[in-house]
Amino acid sequence: MTRRVSAFLVALAAFMIFEWINLGFNLADGHKTSFYVVHGVLIAVNILLALTLAAVGVRGWMRGRADH
């Protein structure tokens, strides 16, 4: 994996974490409990996915070769 791809994965992970946490804080009150449960599960799954992407990106950066 090139360092360019690794950097992209880390940047994508950072963006995903920012966006999903931001969504969590911006959920309006007044919905049914199921709404919050579904969105909580979506937020948790996407943050775990972002952390996985970040780990792959960092590992690729450490092992990667420089772009030519």
PDB file of N, CA and C in Angstrom:
ATOM      1  N   MET A   1       0.852  -1.165   0.000  1.00  0.00           N
ATOM      2  CA  MET A   1       0.000   0.000   0.000  1.00  0.00           C
ATOM      3  C   MET A   1       0.903   1.235   0.000  1.00  0.00           C
ATOM      4  N   THR A   2       0.572   2.184  -0.840  1.00  0.00           N
ATOM      5  CA  THR A   2       1.374   3.400  -0.907  1.00  0.00           C
ATOM      6  C   THR A   2       1.025   4.320   0.258  1.00  0.00           C
ATOM      7  N   ARG A   3       1.905   5.256   0.496  1.00  0.00           N
ATOM      8  CA  ARG A   3       1.657   6.216   1.573  1.00  0.00           C
ATOM      9  C   ARG A   3       0.496   7.141   1.220  1.00  0.00           C
ATOM     10  N   ARG A   4       0.271   7.374  -0.047  1.00  0.00           N
ATOM     11  CA  ARG A   4      -0.855   8.213  -0.469  1.00  0.00           C
ATOM     12  C   ARG A   4      -2.180   7.543  -0.104  1.00  0.00           C
ATOM     13  N   VAL A   5      -2.285   6.261  -0.354  1.00  0.00           N
ATOM     14  CA  VAL A   5      -3.492   5.513   0.002  1.00  0.00           C
ATOM     15  C   VAL A   5      -3.647   5.471   1.515  1.00  0.00           C
ATOM     16  N   SER A   6      -2.560   5.257   2.221  1.00  0.00           N
ATOM     17  CA  SER A   6      -2.600   5.226   3.680  1.00  0.00           C
ATOM     18  C   SER A   6      -3.067   6.562   4.255  1.00  0.00           C
ATOM     19  N   ALA A   7      -2.549   7.641   3.726  1.00  0.00           N
ATOM     20  CA  ALA A   7      -2.966   8.970   4.189  1.00  0.00           C
ATOM     21  C   ALA A   7      -4.440   9.210   3.897  1.00  0.00           C
ATOM     22  N   PHE A   8      -4.903   8.750   2.748  1.00  0.00           N
ATOM     23  CA  PHE A   8      -6.322   8.885   2.418  1.00  0.00           C
ATOM     24  C   PHE A   8      -7.188   8.129   3.417  1.00  0.00           C
ATOM     25  N   LEU A   9      -6.794   6.912   3.778  1.00  0.00           N
ATOM     26  CA  LEU A   9      -7.567   6.123   4.736  1.00  0.00           C
ATOM     27  C   LEU A   9      -7.624   6.798   6.103  1.00  0.00           C
ATOM     28  N   VAL A  10      -6.519   7.344   6.543  1.00  0.00           N
ATOM     29  CA  VAL A  10      -6.497   8.032   7.837  1.00  0.00           C
ATOM     30  C   VAL A  10      -7.359   9.292   7.782  1.00  0.00           C
ATOM     31  N   ALA A  11      -7.270  10.045   6.696  1.00  0.00           N
ATOM     32  CA  ALA A  11      -8.095  11.248   6.555  1.00  0.00           C
ATOM     33  C   ALA A  11      -9.578  10.897   6.482  1.00  0.00           C
ATOM     34  N   LEU A  12      -9.912   9.837   5.764  1.00  0.00           N
ATOM     35  CA  LEU A  12     -11.300   9.393   5.682  1.00  0.00           C
ATOM     36  C   LEU A  12     -11.816   8.972   7.050  1.00  0.00           C
ATOM     37  N   ALA A  13     -10.993   8.276   7.808  1.00  0.00           N
ATOM     38  CA  ALA A  13     -11.394   7.854   9.153  1.00  0.00           C
ATOM     39  C   ALA A  13     -11.638   9.054  10.058  1.00  0.00           C
ATOM     40  N   ALA A  14     -10.773  10.041   9.994  1.00  0.00           N
ATOM     41  CA  ALA A  14     -10.953  11.248  10.807  1.00  0.00           C
ATOM     42  C   ALA A  14     -12.243  11.969  10.433  1.00  0.00           C
ATOM     43  N   PHE A  15     -12.512  12.066   9.143  1.00  0.00           N
ATOM     44  CA  PHE A  15     -13.743  12.705   8.680  1.00  0.00           C
ATOM     45  C   PHE A  15     -14.969  11.941   9.156  1.00  0.00           C
ATOM     46  N   MET A  16     -14.928  10.620   9.060  1.00  0.00           N
ATOM     47  CA  MET A  16     -16.069   9.806   9.486  1.00  0.00           C
ATOM     48  C   MET A  16     -16.333   9.971  10.983  1.00  0.00           C
ATOM     49  N   ILE A  17     -15.281   9.946  11.778  1.00  0.00           N
ATOM     50  CA  ILE A  17     -15.459  10.098  13.222  1.00  0.00           C
ATOM     51  C   ILE A  17     -16.050  11.467  13.540  1.00  0.00           C
ATOM     52  N   PHE A  18     -15.522  12.509  12.927  1.00  0.00           N
ATOM     53  CA  PHE A  18     -16.050  13.860  13.147  1.00  0.00           C
ATOM     54  C   PHE A  18     -17.520  13.945  12.765  1.00  0.00           C
ATOM     55  N   GLU A  19     -17.863  13.453  11.587  1.00  0.00           N
ATOM     56  CA  GLU A  19     -19.239  13.560  11.101  1.00  0.00           C
ATOM     57  C   GLU A  19     -20.230  12.783  11.959  1.00  0.00           C
ATOM     58  N   TRP A  20     -19.898  11.560  12.340  1.00  0.00           N
ATOM     59  CA  TRP A  20     -20.844  10.748  13.095  1.00  0.00           C
ATOM     60  C   TRP A  20     -20.995  11.229  14.522  1.00  0.00           C
ATOM     61  N   ILE A  21     -19.924  11.715  15.146  1.00  0.00           N
ATOM     62  CA  ILE A  21     -20.058  12.296  16.481  1.00  0.00           C
ATOM     63  C   ILE A  21     -20.872  13.582  16.407  1.00  0.00           C
ATOM     64  N   ASN A  22     -20.631  14.371  15.377  1.00  0.00           N
ATOM     65  CA  ASN A  22     -21.405  15.587  15.176  1.00  0.00           C
ATOM     66  C   ASN A  22     -22.889  15.264  15.001  1.00  0.00           C
ATOM     67  N   LEU A  23     -23.201  14.239  14.238  1.00  0.00           N
ATOM     68  CA  LEU A  23     -24.588  13.815  14.065  1.00  0.00           C
ATOM     69  C   LEU A  23     -25.201  13.418  15.400  1.00  0.00           C
ATOM     70  N   GLY A  24     -24.443  12.687  16.200  1.00  0.00           N
ATOM     71  CA  GLY A  24     -24.944  12.256  17.498  1.00  0.00           C
ATOM     72  C   GLY A  24     -25.323  13.421  18.391  1.00  0.00           C
ATOM     73  N   PHE A  25     -24.522  14.478  18.370  1.00  0.00           N
ATOM     74  CA  PHE A  25     -24.829  15.641  19.187  1.00  0.00           C
ATOM     75  C   PHE A  25     -25.964  16.478  18.611  1.00  0.00           C
ATOM     76  N   ASN A  26     -26.222  16.363  17.324  1.00  0.00           N
ATOM     77  CA  ASN A  26     -27.241  17.193  16.687  1.00  0.00           C
ATOM     78  C   ASN A  26     -28.599  16.521  16.542  1.00  0.00           C
ATOM     79  N   LEU A  27     -28.758  15.311  17.066  1.00  0.00           N
ATOM     80  CA  LEU A  27     -30.065  14.671  16.996  1.00  0.00           C
ATOM     81  C   LEU A  27     -31.040  15.447  17.869  1.00  0.00           C
ATOM     82  N   ALA A  28     -32.166  15.826  17.287  1.00  0.00           N
ATOM     83  CA  ALA A  28     -33.154  16.631  18.001  1.00  0.00           C
ATOM     84  C   ALA A  28     -33.970  15.763  18.955  1.00  0.00           C
ATOM     85  N   ASP A  29     -34.446  16.381  20.002  1.00  0.00           N
ATOM     86  CA  ASP A  29     -35.314  15.684  20.947  1.00  0.00           C
ATOM     87  C   ASP A  29     -36.703  15.525  20.342  1.00  0.00           C
ATOM     88  N   GLY A  30     -37.487  14.623  20.915  1.00  0.00           N
ATOM     89  CA  GLY A  30     -38.864  14.474  20.503  1.00  0.00           C
ATOM     90  C   GLY A  30     -39.145  13.291  19.602  1.00  0.00           C
ATOM     91  N   HIS A  31     -38.155  12.453  19.360  1.00  0.00           N
ATOM     92  CA  HIS A  31     -38.384  11.265  18.543  1.00  0.00           C
ATOM     93  C   HIS A  31     -38.678  10.075  19.436  1.00  0.00           C
ATOM     94  N   LYS A  32     -39.144   9.020  18.818  1.00  0.00           N
ATOM     95  CA  LYS A  32     -39.375   7.782  19.553  1.00  0.00           C
ATOM     96  C   LYS A  32     -38.038   7.171  19.957  1.00  0.00           C
ATOM     97  N   THR A  33     -38.073   6.320  20.958  1.00  0.00           N
ATOM     98  CA  THR A  33     -36.857   5.666  21.444  1.00  0.00           C
ATOM     99  C   THR A  33     -36.185   4.858  20.346  1.00  0.00           C
ATOM    100  N   SER A  34     -36.974   4.214  19.503  1.00  0.00           N
ATOM    101  CA  SER A  34     -36.403   3.394  18.432  1.00  0.00           C
ATOM    102  C   SER A  34     -35.540   4.233  17.485  1.00  0.00           C
ATOM    103  N   PHE A  35     -35.914   5.471  17.265  1.00  0.00           N
ATOM    104  CA  PHE A  35     -35.129   6.378  16.424  1.00  0.00           C
ATOM    105  C   PHE A  35     -33.718   6.533  16.996  1.00  0.00           C
ATOM    106  N   TYR A  36     -33.640   6.761  18.309  1.00  0.00           N
ATOM    107  CA  TYR A  36     -32.348   6.957  18.946  1.00  0.00           C
ATOM    108  C   TYR A  36     -31.545   5.656  19.016  1.00  0.00           C
ATOM    109  N   VAL A  37     -32.227   4.540  19.190  1.00  0.00           N
ATOM    110  CA  VAL A  37     -31.532   3.251  19.219  1.00  0.00           C
ATOM    111  C   VAL A  37     -30.905   2.967  17.855  1.00  0.00           C
ATOM    112  N   VAL A  38     -31.671   3.147  16.788  1.00  0.00           N
ATOM    113  CA  VAL A  38     -31.169   2.889  15.437  1.00  0.00           C
ATOM    114  C   VAL A  38     -30.001   3.817  15.116  1.00  0.00           C
ATOM    115  N   HIS A  39     -30.146   5.092  15.414  1.00  0.00           N
ATOM    116  CA  HIS A  39     -29.066   6.020  15.108  1.00  0.00           C
ATOM    117  C   HIS A  39     -27.847   5.789  16.008  1.00  0.00           C
ATOM    118  N   GLY A  40     -28.078   5.373  17.240  1.00  0.00           N
ATOM    119  CA  GLY A  40     -26.956   5.038  18.111  1.00  0.00           C
ATOM    120  C   GLY A  40     -26.165   3.856  17.579  1.00  0.00           C
ATOM    121  N   VAL A  41     -26.880   2.847  17.081  1.00  0.00           N
ATOM    122  CA  VAL A  41     -26.210   1.689  16.484  1.00  0.00           C
ATOM    123  C   VAL A  41     -25.446   2.106  15.228  1.00  0.00           C
ATOM    124  N   LEU A  42     -26.052   2.934  14.391  1.00  0.00           N
ATOM    125  CA  LEU A  42     -25.371   3.418  13.187  1.00  0.00           C
ATOM    126  C   LEU A  42     -24.098   4.190  13.541  1.00  0.00           C
ATOM    127  N   ILE A  43     -24.196   5.047  14.539  1.00  0.00           N
ATOM    128  CA  ILE A  43     -23.034   5.834  14.958  1.00  0.00           C
ATOM    129  C   ILE A  43     -21.936   4.905  15.474  1.00  0.00           C
ATOM    130  N   ALA A  44     -22.294   3.958  16.318  1.00  0.00           N
ATOM    131  CA  ALA A  44     -21.299   3.045  16.888  1.00  0.00           C
ATOM    132  C   ALA A  44     -20.614   2.213  15.805  1.00  0.00           C
ATOM    133  N   VAL A  45     -21.398   1.672  14.881  1.00  0.00           N
ATOM    134  CA  VAL A  45     -20.829   0.841  13.816  1.00  0.00           C
ATOM    135  C   VAL A  45     -19.910   1.667  12.924  1.00  0.00           C
ATOM    136  N   ASN A  46     -20.324   2.868  12.578  1.00  0.00           N
ATOM    137  CA  ASN A  46     -19.493   3.686  11.701  1.00  0.00           C
ATOM    138  C   ASN A  46     -18.235   4.191  12.386  1.00  0.00           C
ATOM    139  N   ILE A  47     -18.288   4.443  13.675  1.00  0.00           N
ATOM    140  CA  ILE A  47     -17.072   4.830  14.391  1.00  0.00           C
ATOM    141  C   ILE A  47     -16.116   3.644  14.468  1.00  0.00           C
ATOM    142  N   LEU A  48     -16.629   2.445  14.711  1.00  0.00           N
ATOM    143  CA  LEU A  48     -15.765   1.256  14.699  1.00  0.00           C
ATOM    144  C   LEU A  48     -15.151   1.034  13.315  1.00  0.00           C
ATOM    145  N   LEU A  49     -15.925   1.254  12.272  1.00  0.00           N
ATOM    146  CA  LEU A  49     -15.401   1.146  10.912  1.00  0.00           C
ATOM    147  C   LEU A  49     -14.308   2.179  10.675  1.00  0.00           C
ATOM    148  N   ALA A  50     -14.521   3.392  11.147  1.00  0.00           N
ATOM    149  CA  ALA A  50     -13.521   4.450  10.980  1.00  0.00           C
ATOM    150  C   ALA A  50     -12.243   4.110  11.740  1.00  0.00           C
ATOM    151  N   LEU A  51     -12.377   3.575  12.942  1.00  0.00           N
ATOM    152  CA  LEU A  51     -11.185   3.188  13.698  1.00  0.00           C
ATOM    153  C   LEU A  51     -10.421   2.064  13.001  1.00  0.00           C
ATOM    154  N   THR A  52     -11.151   1.156  12.384  1.00  0.00           N
ATOM    155  CA  THR A  52     -10.512   0.086  11.618  1.00  0.00           C
ATOM    156  C   THR A  52      -9.770   0.650  10.410  1.00  0.00           C
ATOM    157  N   LEU A  53     -10.411   1.573   9.690  1.00  0.00           N
ATOM    158  CA  LEU A  53      -9.749   2.224   8.554  1.00  0.00           C
ATOM    159  C   LEU A  53      -8.496   2.968   9.001  1.00  0.00           C
ATOM    160  N   ALA A  54      -8.588   3.642  10.136  1.00  0.00           N
ATOM    161  CA  ALA A  54      -7.427   4.373  10.649  1.00  0.00           C
ATOM    162  C   ALA A  54      -6.295   3.412  10.989  1.00  0.00           C
ATOM    163  N   ALA A  55      -6.625   2.287  11.603  1.00  0.00           N
ATOM    164  CA  ALA A  55      -5.589   1.309  11.948  1.00  0.00           C
ATOM    165  C   ALA A  55      -4.920   0.755  10.693  1.00  0.00           C
ATOM    166  N   VAL A  56      -5.720   0.449   9.680  1.00  0.00           N
ATOM    167  CA  VAL A  56      -5.159  -0.050   8.422  1.00  0.00           C
ATOM    168  C   VAL A  56      -4.297   1.027   7.768  1.00  0.00           C
ATOM    169  N   GLY A  57      -4.772   2.267   7.797  1.00  0.00           N
ATOM    170  CA  GLY A  57      -4.013   3.364   7.211  1.00  0.00           C
ATOM    171  C   GLY A  57      -2.690   3.602   7.913  1.00  0.00           C
ATOM    172  N   VAL A  58      -2.705   3.580   9.238  1.00  0.00           N
ATOM    173  CA  VAL A  58      -1.462   3.790   9.995  1.00  0.00           C
ATOM    174  C   VAL A  58      -0.500   2.635   9.758  1.00  0.00           C
ATOM    175  N   ARG A  59      -1.021   1.418   9.773  1.00  0.00           N
ATOM    176  CA  ARG A  59      -0.158   0.256   9.517  1.00  0.00           C
ATOM    177  C   ARG A  59       0.429   0.336   8.108  1.00  0.00           C
ATOM    178  N   GLY A  60      -0.380   0.743   7.136  1.00  0.00           N
ATOM    179  CA  GLY A  60       0.115   0.889   5.772  1.00  0.00           C
ATOM    180  C   GLY A  60       1.151   1.996   5.661  1.00  0.00           C
ATOM    181  N   TRP A  61       0.959   3.075   6.408  1.00  0.00           N
ATOM    182  CA  TRP A  61       1.912   4.182   6.392  1.00  0.00           C
ATOM    183  C   TRP A  61       3.265   3.721   6.932  1.00  0.00           C
ATOM    184  N   MET A  62       3.216   2.944   8.019  1.00  0.00           N
ATOM    185  CA  MET A  62       4.466   2.482   8.625  1.00  0.00           C
ATOM    186  C   MET A  62       5.206   1.490   7.727  1.00  0.00           C
ATOM    187  N   ARG A  63       4.470   0.672   7.015  1.00  0.00           N
ATOM    188  CA  ARG A  63       5.089  -0.341   6.152  1.00  0.00           C
ATOM    189  C   ARG A  63       5.209   0.111   4.710  1.00  0.00           C
ATOM    190  N   GLY A  64       4.533   1.193   4.350  1.00  0.00           N
ATOM    191  CA  GLY A  64       4.414   1.596   2.957  1.00  0.00           C
ATOM    192  C   GLY A  64       5.688   2.114   2.365  1.00  0.00           C
ATOM    193  N   ARG A  65       5.645   2.198   1.079  1.00  0.00           N
ATOM    194  CA  ARG A  65       6.772   2.741   0.340  1.00  0.00           C
ATOM    195  C   ARG A  65       6.409   4.158  -0.108  1.00  0.00           C
ATOM    196  N   ALA A  66       7.385   4.939  -0.372  1.00  0.00           N
ATOM    197  CA  ALA A  66       7.153   6.312  -0.834  1.00  0.00           C
ATOM    198  C   ALA A  66       6.672   6.283  -2.276  1.00  0.00           C
ATOM    199  N   ASP A  67       5.784   7.218  -2.609  1.00  0.00           N
ATOM    200  CA  ASP A  67       5.306   7.327  -3.990  1.00  0.00           C
ATOM    201  C   ASP A  67       6.427   7.808  -4.902  1.00  0.00           C
ATOM    202  N   HIS A  68       6.418   7.279  -6.095  1.00  0.00           N
ATOM    203  CA  HIS A  68       7.404   7.717  -7.096  1.00  0.00           C
ATOM    204  C   HIS A  68       6.681   8.271  -8.280  1.00  0.00           C
TER     205      HIS A  68
END
